């Protein structure tokens, strides 16, 4: 069977995703490593909500 890829990168197998959802720690680690670049990219952005007054405080 041909391995699928997206933009030259091999996709995460569905079995790994299912195992992570079922609680397999090794599979969850593999999912985190797969999406590490995306997670890091999102972590660089500051949203307006992050710098404004939190909703749970009284103004």
PDB file of N, CA and C in Angstrom:
ATOM      1  N   UNK A   1       0.836  -1.179   0.000  1.00  0.00           N
ATOM      2  CA  UNK A   1       0.000   0.000   0.000  1.00  0.00           C
ATOM      3  C   UNK A   1       0.884   1.246   0.000  1.00  0.00           C
ATOM      4  N   UNK A   2       0.510   2.195  -0.814  1.00  0.00           N
ATOM      5  CA  UNK A   2       1.267   3.436  -0.912  1.00  0.00           C
ATOM      6  C   UNK A   2       1.050   4.299   0.334  1.00  0.00           C
ATOM      7  N   UNK A   3       2.140   4.820   0.875  1.00  0.00           N
ATOM      8  CA  UNK A   3       2.045   5.706   2.040  1.00  0.00           C
ATOM      9  C   UNK A   3       1.567   7.068   1.565  1.00  0.00           C
ATOM     10  N   UNK A   4       0.611   7.639   2.257  1.00  0.00           N
ATOM     11  CA  UNK A   4       0.096   8.954   1.882  1.00  0.00           C
ATOM     12  C   UNK A   4       0.952  10.038   2.509  1.00  0.00           C
ATOM     13  N   UNK A   5       1.034  11.156   1.816  1.00  0.00           N
ATOM     14  CA  UNK A   5       1.771  12.287   2.370  1.00  0.00           C
ATOM     15  C   UNK A   5       1.049  13.580   2.031  1.00  0.00           C
ATOM     16  N   UNK A   6       1.392  14.591   2.778  1.00  0.00           N
ATOM     17  CA  UNK A   6       0.831  15.915   2.580  1.00  0.00           C
ATOM     18  C   UNK A   6       1.979  16.895   2.536  1.00  0.00           C
ATOM     19  N   UNK A   7       2.114  17.566   1.414  1.00  0.00           N
ATOM     20  CA  UNK A   7       3.206  18.516   1.198  1.00  0.00           C
ATOM     21  C   UNK A   7       4.559  17.873   1.479  1.00  0.00           C
ATOM     22  N   UNK A   8       4.717  16.631   1.034  1.00  0.00           N
ATOM     23  CA  UNK A   8       5.985  15.929   1.173  1.00  0.00           C
ATOM     24  C   UNK A   8       6.219  15.308   2.533  1.00  0.00           C
ATOM     25  N   UNK A   9       5.264  15.410   3.432  1.00  0.00           N
ATOM     26  CA  UNK A   9       5.427  14.863   4.772  1.00  0.00           C
ATOM     27  C   UNK A   9       4.467  13.695   4.953  1.00  0.00           C
ATOM     28  N   UNK A  10       4.970  12.587   5.461  1.00  0.00           N
ATOM     29  CA  UNK A  10       4.150  11.404   5.670  1.00  0.00           C
ATOM     30  C   UNK A  10       3.083  11.677   6.728  1.00  0.00           C
ATOM     31  N   UNK A  11       1.855  11.269   6.440  1.00  0.00           N
ATOM     32  CA  UNK A  11       0.756  11.492   7.367  1.00  0.00           C
ATOM     33  C   UNK A  11       0.842  10.544   8.563  1.00  0.00           C
ATOM     34  N   UNK A  12       0.300  10.980   9.668  1.00  0.00           N
ATOM     35  CA  UNK A  12       0.230  10.162  10.873  1.00  0.00           C
ATOM     36  C   UNK A  12      -0.769   9.035  10.632  1.00  0.00           C
ATOM     37  N   UNK A  13      -0.368   7.784  10.868  1.00  0.00           N
ATOM     38  CA  UNK A  13      -1.305   6.672  10.641  1.00  0.00           C
ATOM     39  C   UNK A  13      -2.535   6.774  11.544  1.00  0.00           C
ATOM     40  N   UNK A  14      -3.668   6.411  11.013  1.00  0.00           N
ATOM     41  CA  UNK A  14      -4.914   6.466  11.760  1.00  0.00           C
ATOM     42  C   UNK A  14      -4.862   5.568  12.995  1.00  0.00           C
ATOM     43  N   UNK A  15      -4.166   4.441  12.899  1.00  0.00           N
ATOM     44  CA  UNK A  15      -4.052   3.526  14.042  1.00  0.00           C
ATOM     45  C   UNK A  15      -3.349   4.199  15.214  1.00  0.00           C
ATOM     46  N   UNK A  16      -2.374   5.052  14.938  1.00  0.00           N
ATOM     47  CA  UNK A  16      -1.663   5.768  15.995  1.00  0.00           C
ATOM     48  C   UNK A  16      -2.596   6.774  16.655  1.00  0.00           C
ATOM     49  N   UNK A  17      -3.370   7.465  15.845  1.00  0.00           N
ATOM     50  CA  UNK A  17      -4.327   8.431  16.375  1.00  0.00           C
ATOM     51  C   UNK A  17      -5.370   7.735  17.251  1.00  0.00           C
ATOM     52  N   UNK A  18      -5.873   6.600  16.792  1.00  0.00           N
ATOM     53  CA  UNK A  18      -6.866   5.847  17.566  1.00  0.00           C
ATOM     54  C   UNK A  18      -6.275   5.333  18.872  1.00  0.00           C
ATOM     55  N   UNK A  19      -5.037   4.862  18.835  1.00  0.00           N
ATOM     56  CA  UNK A  19      -4.391   4.355  20.047  1.00  0.00           C
ATOM     57  C   UNK A  19      -4.169   5.482  21.052  1.00  0.00           C
ATOM     58  N   UNK A  20      -3.809   6.657  20.570  1.00  0.00           N
ATOM     59  CA  UNK A  20      -3.606   7.805  21.460  1.00  0.00           C
ATOM     60  C   UNK A  20      -4.926   8.200  22.106  1.00  0.00           C
ATOM     61  N   UNK A  21      -5.988   8.186  21.341  1.00  0.00           N
ATOM     62  CA  UNK A  21      -7.310   8.507  21.876  1.00  0.00           C
ATOM     63  C   UNK A  21      -7.753   7.495  22.924  1.00  0.00           C
ATOM     64  N   UNK A  22      -7.302   6.238  22.770  1.00  0.00           N
ATOM     65  CA  UNK A  22      -7.658   5.177  23.703  1.00  0.00           C
ATOM     66  C   UNK A  22      -6.796   5.212  24.963  1.00  0.00           C
ATOM     67  N   UNK A  23      -5.763   6.071  24.985  1.00  0.00           N
ATOM     68  CA  UNK A  23      -4.954   6.223  26.187  1.00  0.00           C
ATOM     69  C   UNK A  23      -3.556   5.651  26.120  1.00  0.00           C
ATOM     70  N   UNK A  24      -3.110   5.204  24.972  1.00  0.00           N
ATOM     71  CA  UNK A  24      -1.752   4.670  24.821  1.00  0.00           C
ATOM     72  C   UNK A  24      -0.746   5.815  24.896  1.00  0.00           C
ATOM     73  N   UNK A  25       0.121   5.788  25.907  1.00  0.00           N
ATOM     74  CA  UNK A  25       1.072   6.878  26.132  1.00  0.00           C
ATOM     75  C   UNK A  25       2.089   6.996  24.998  1.00  0.00           C
ATOM     76  N   UNK A  26       2.554   5.878  24.469  1.00  0.00           N
ATOM     77  CA  UNK A  26       3.530   5.927  23.371  1.00  0.00           C
ATOM     78  C   UNK A  26       2.912   6.550  22.116  1.00  0.00           C
ATOM     79  N   UNK A  27       1.671   6.195  21.848  1.00  0.00           N
ATOM     80  CA  UNK A  27       0.985   6.762  20.685  1.00  0.00           C
ATOM     81  C   UNK A  27       0.739   8.254  20.888  1.00  0.00           C
ATOM     82  N   UNK A  28       0.383   8.654  22.105  1.00  0.00           N
ATOM     83  CA  UNK A  28       0.174  10.076  22.386  1.00  0.00           C
ATOM     84  C   UNK A  28       1.473  10.852  22.187  1.00  0.00           C
ATOM     85  N   UNK A  29       2.583  10.287  22.603  1.00  0.00           N
ATOM     86  CA  UNK A  29       3.892  10.924  22.402  1.00  0.00           C
ATOM     87  C   UNK A  29       4.187  11.063  20.913  1.00  0.00           C
ATOM     88  N   UNK A  30       3.840  10.054  20.141  1.00  0.00           N
ATOM     89  CA  UNK A  30       4.065  10.095  18.695  1.00  0.00           C
ATOM     90  C   UNK A  30       3.206  11.188  18.054  1.00  0.00           C
ATOM     91  N   UNK A  31       1.979  11.344  18.509  1.00  0.00           N
ATOM     92  CA  UNK A  31       1.099  12.398  17.990  1.00  0.00           C
ATOM     93  C   UNK A  31       1.675  13.769  18.330  1.00  0.00           C
ATOM     94  N   UNK A  32       2.143  13.933  19.564  1.00  0.00           N
ATOM     95  CA  UNK A  32       2.732  15.218  19.965  1.00  0.00           C
ATOM     96  C   UNK A  32       3.968  15.544  19.143  1.00  0.00           C
ATOM     97  N   UNK A  33       4.804  14.549  18.889  1.00  0.00           N
ATOM     98  CA  UNK A  33       5.992  14.783  18.054  1.00  0.00           C
ATOM     99  C   UNK A  33       5.599  15.143  16.627  1.00  0.00           C
ATOM    100  N   UNK A  34       4.540  14.511  16.117  1.00  0.00           N
ATOM    101  CA  UNK A  34       4.088  14.789  14.752  1.00  0.00           C
ATOM    102  C   UNK A  34       3.624  16.241  14.617  1.00  0.00           C
ATOM    103  N   UNK A  35       2.898  16.739  15.606  1.00  0.00           N
ATOM    104  CA  UNK A  35       2.347  18.095  15.548  1.00  0.00           C
ATOM    105  C   UNK A  35       3.199  19.129  16.286  1.00  0.00           C
ATOM    106  N   UNK A  36       4.390  18.783  16.688  1.00  0.00           N
ATOM    107  CA  UNK A  36       5.249  19.673  17.468  1.00  0.00           C
ATOM    108  C   UNK A  36       5.494  21.015  16.779  1.00  0.00           C
ATOM    109  N   UNK A  37       5.795  21.000  15.501  1.00  0.00           N
ATOM    110  CA  UNK A  37       6.052  22.244  14.774  1.00  0.00           C
ATOM    111  C   UNK A  37       4.831  23.146  14.745  1.00  0.00           C
ATOM    112  N   UNK A  38       3.669  22.548  14.540  1.00  0.00           N
ATOM    113  CA  UNK A  38       2.420  23.315  14.508  1.00  0.00           C
ATOM    114  C   UNK A  38       2.128  23.912  15.885  1.00  0.00           C
ATOM    115  N   UNK A  39       2.311  23.119  16.932  1.00  0.00           N
ATOM    116  CA  UNK A  39       2.066  23.593  18.299  1.00  0.00           C
ATOM    117  C   UNK A  39       3.013  24.739  18.633  1.00  0.00           C
ATOM    118  N   UNK A  40       4.273  24.593  18.270  1.00  0.00           N
ATOM    119  CA  UNK A  40       5.242  25.661  18.535  1.00  0.00           C
ATOM    120  C   UNK A  40       4.912  26.926  17.760  1.00  0.00           C
ATOM    121  N   UNK A  41       4.447  26.774  16.526  1.00  0.00           N
ATOM    122  CA  UNK A  41       4.088  27.939  15.722  1.00  0.00           C
ATOM    123  C   UNK A  41       2.915  28.684  16.363  1.00  0.00           C
ATOM    124  N   UNK A  42       1.913  27.960  16.839  1.00  0.00           N
ATOM    125  CA  UNK A  42       0.769  28.594  17.483  1.00  0.00           C
ATOM    126  C   UNK A  42       1.163  29.270  18.788  1.00  0.00           C
ATOM    127  N   UNK A  43       2.140  28.718  19.474  1.00  0.00           N
ATOM    128  CA  UNK A  43       2.571  29.275  20.748  1.00  0.00           C
ATOM    129  C   UNK A  43       3.282  30.612  20.619  1.00  0.00           C
ATOM    130  N   UNK A  44       3.654  30.995  19.431  1.00  0.00           N
ATOM    131  CA  UNK A  44       4.372  32.261  19.229  1.00  0.00           C
ATOM    132  C   UNK A  44       3.440  33.453  19.095  1.00  0.00           C
ATOM    133  N   UNK A  45       2.161  33.211  18.868  1.00  0.00           N
ATOM    134  CA  UNK A  45       1.208  34.290  18.661  1.00  0.00           C
ATOM    135  C   UNK A  45       0.634  34.775  19.977  1.00  0.00           C
ATOM    136  N   UNK A  46       0.436  36.057  20.085  1.00  0.00           N
ATOM    137  CA  UNK A  46      -0.230  36.645  21.232  1.00  0.00           C
ATOM    138  C   UNK A  46      -1.601  37.108  20.776  1.00  0.00           C
ATOM    139  N   UNK A  47      -2.601  36.661  21.470  1.00  0.00           N
ATOM    140  CA  UNK A  47      -3.948  37.086  21.118  1.00  0.00           C
ATOM    141  C   UNK A  47      -4.363  38.243  21.999  1.00  0.00           C
ATOM    142  N   UNK A  48      -5.355  38.973  21.561  1.00  0.00           N
ATOM    143  CA  UNK A  48      -5.838  40.092  22.348  1.00  0.00           C
ATOM    144  C   UNK A  48      -6.363  39.610  23.700  1.00  0.00           C
ATOM    145  N   UNK A  49      -6.995  38.449  23.720  1.00  0.00           N
ATOM    146  CA  UNK A  49      -7.533  37.910  24.970  1.00  0.00           C
ATOM    147  C   UNK A  49      -6.413  37.617  25.958  1.00  0.00           C
ATOM    148  N   UNK A  50      -5.241  37.272  25.477  1.00  0.00           N
ATOM    149  CA  UNK A  50      -4.132  36.936  26.362  1.00  0.00           C
ATOM    150  C   UNK A  50      -3.569  38.172  27.058  1.00  0.00           C
ATOM    151  N   UNK A  51      -3.725  39.342  26.471  1.00  0.00           N
ATOM    152  CA  UNK A  51      -3.155  40.546  27.068  1.00  0.00           C
ATOM    153  C   UNK A  51      -4.206  41.445  27.729  1.00  0.00           C
ATOM    154  N   UNK A  52      -5.477  41.099  27.567  1.00  0.00           N
ATOM    155  CA  UNK A  52      -6.531  41.917  28.182  1.00  0.00           C
ATOM    156  C   UNK A  52      -6.888  41.354  29.552  1.00  0.00           C
ATOM    157  N   UNK A  53      -7.798  42.009  30.223  1.00  0.00           N
ATOM    158  CA  UNK A  53      -8.227  41.582  31.545  1.00  0.00           C
ATOM    159  C   UNK A  53      -8.951  40.246  31.452  1.00  0.00           C
ATOM    160  N   UNK A  54      -8.578  39.275  32.268  1.00  0.00           N
ATOM    161  CA  UNK A  54      -9.266  37.981  32.240  1.00  0.00           C
ATOM    162  C   UNK A  54     -10.752  38.120  32.550  1.00  0.00           C
ATOM    163  N   UNK A  55     -11.555  37.271  31.981  1.00  0.00           N
ATOM    164  CA  UNK A  55     -13.009  37.348  32.127  1.00  0.00           C
ATOM    165  C   UNK A  55     -13.456  37.084  33.563  1.00  0.00           C
ATOM    166  N   UNK A  56     -12.679  36.335  34.344  1.00  0.00           N
ATOM    167  CA  UNK A  56     -13.105  35.971  35.688  1.00  0.00           C
ATOM    168  C   UNK A  56     -12.827  37.035  36.726  1.00  0.00           C
ATOM    169  N   UNK A  57     -12.186  38.128  36.366  1.00  0.00           N
ATOM    170  CA  UNK A  57     -11.933  39.200  37.327  1.00  0.00           C
ATOM    171  C   UNK A  57     -12.992  40.274  37.186  1.00  0.00           C
ATOM    172  N   UNK A  58     -13.289  40.932  38.272  1.00  0.00           N
ATOM    173  CA  UNK A  58     -14.258  42.025  38.200  1.00  0.00           C
ATOM    174  C   UNK A  58     -13.547  43.302  37.780  1.00  0.00           C
ATOM    175  N   UNK A  59     -14.225  44.111  37.008  1.00  0.00           N
ATOM    176  CA  UNK A  59     -13.614  45.352  36.525  1.00  0.00           C
ATOM    177  C   UNK A  59     -14.183  46.560  37.223  1.00  0.00           C
TER     178      UNK A  59
END
